[in-house]
Amino acid sequence: MTQAVNLTTGPPVDERGPRCWLRRLFAARCLVCGERGDDGRALCAACAAALPWAGPACARCAVPLPAGDALCGACLRRPPPLDAAHAAFVYGFPVDRLLPRLKFHRDLAAGALLSASMARALASRPRPDALVPVPLHPARLRTRGYDQALELTRPLARALGLPLRTDLLRRRRATAPQSRLDAPARRRNVRGAFAATARGPLPAHVALVDDVMTTGATLHAAALALRRLGVARVDAWVCARVP
């Protein structure tokens, strides 16, 4: 008599066999703690559960707010040049471990994980005509060897089926690292740092993409350049917002 096979669970698997041993050896590891990844992902269950997904926030600058508040006091007093700002995460553990790995250590696996998370978080937002990564200055790009904003934007554009426009914005002036400056100095540092040009049709609505939004100075300077070019609506999509 032919032995019946359970189609739900499949035939028995020899956990001592070479294939199972290789699967265990090369199983995905958590990029944060090094434990085995959950369901083949690059995060373990504990680190995935700890992800600080963004909640209610100001519609113009993405700073966290109590539920029901549409705009923060700063944006009410002085509306920014961004029409909207959306963040996938609040900057905190474990995103504060993953973003520096992408930004300073060329960890493209961390970038892929964060970009996929951005696609999940931002898919329901108003769709722009194009995504525009905030560019590095050519000198910084030569030193670093890659552009972290572009590494986030490229897979994000593919995942959401949106055009990627790297021709619209360039950084025409090298600036000091923003992380070393206070808010007024950040604004002065990036004032006039960007120039916008269009080699093709000008989109009416774009979303600037960057890794972290702290004071918003860099995104505001980039948005002003795009508005001078004639872009009607400029949003910001960022991986994380510093509260």
Foldseek 3Di string as FASTA:
>chain_A
DDDDADPVVGDDDDCPDPVVVVCVVPQAAAPQPRHGPDPRANHRPVQVVVFAFQDDAAFQQRHHDPPPDNHDPVCVVPNFLAPGEHAGGAPDPPLVVLVCCVVQVVPLSSLVVLLVSLLVRCLPPPDFQEEEELDAAPVVCVVRVDTSSCSSVPVNCVSNVHHYDDQFKHFQDHFDDPVVDDDVVLLVRCAVRMATDDPDDQTQEYEYEDAEAEPCNSVRNRSVNSVVVPRNHYYYYYHHYHD
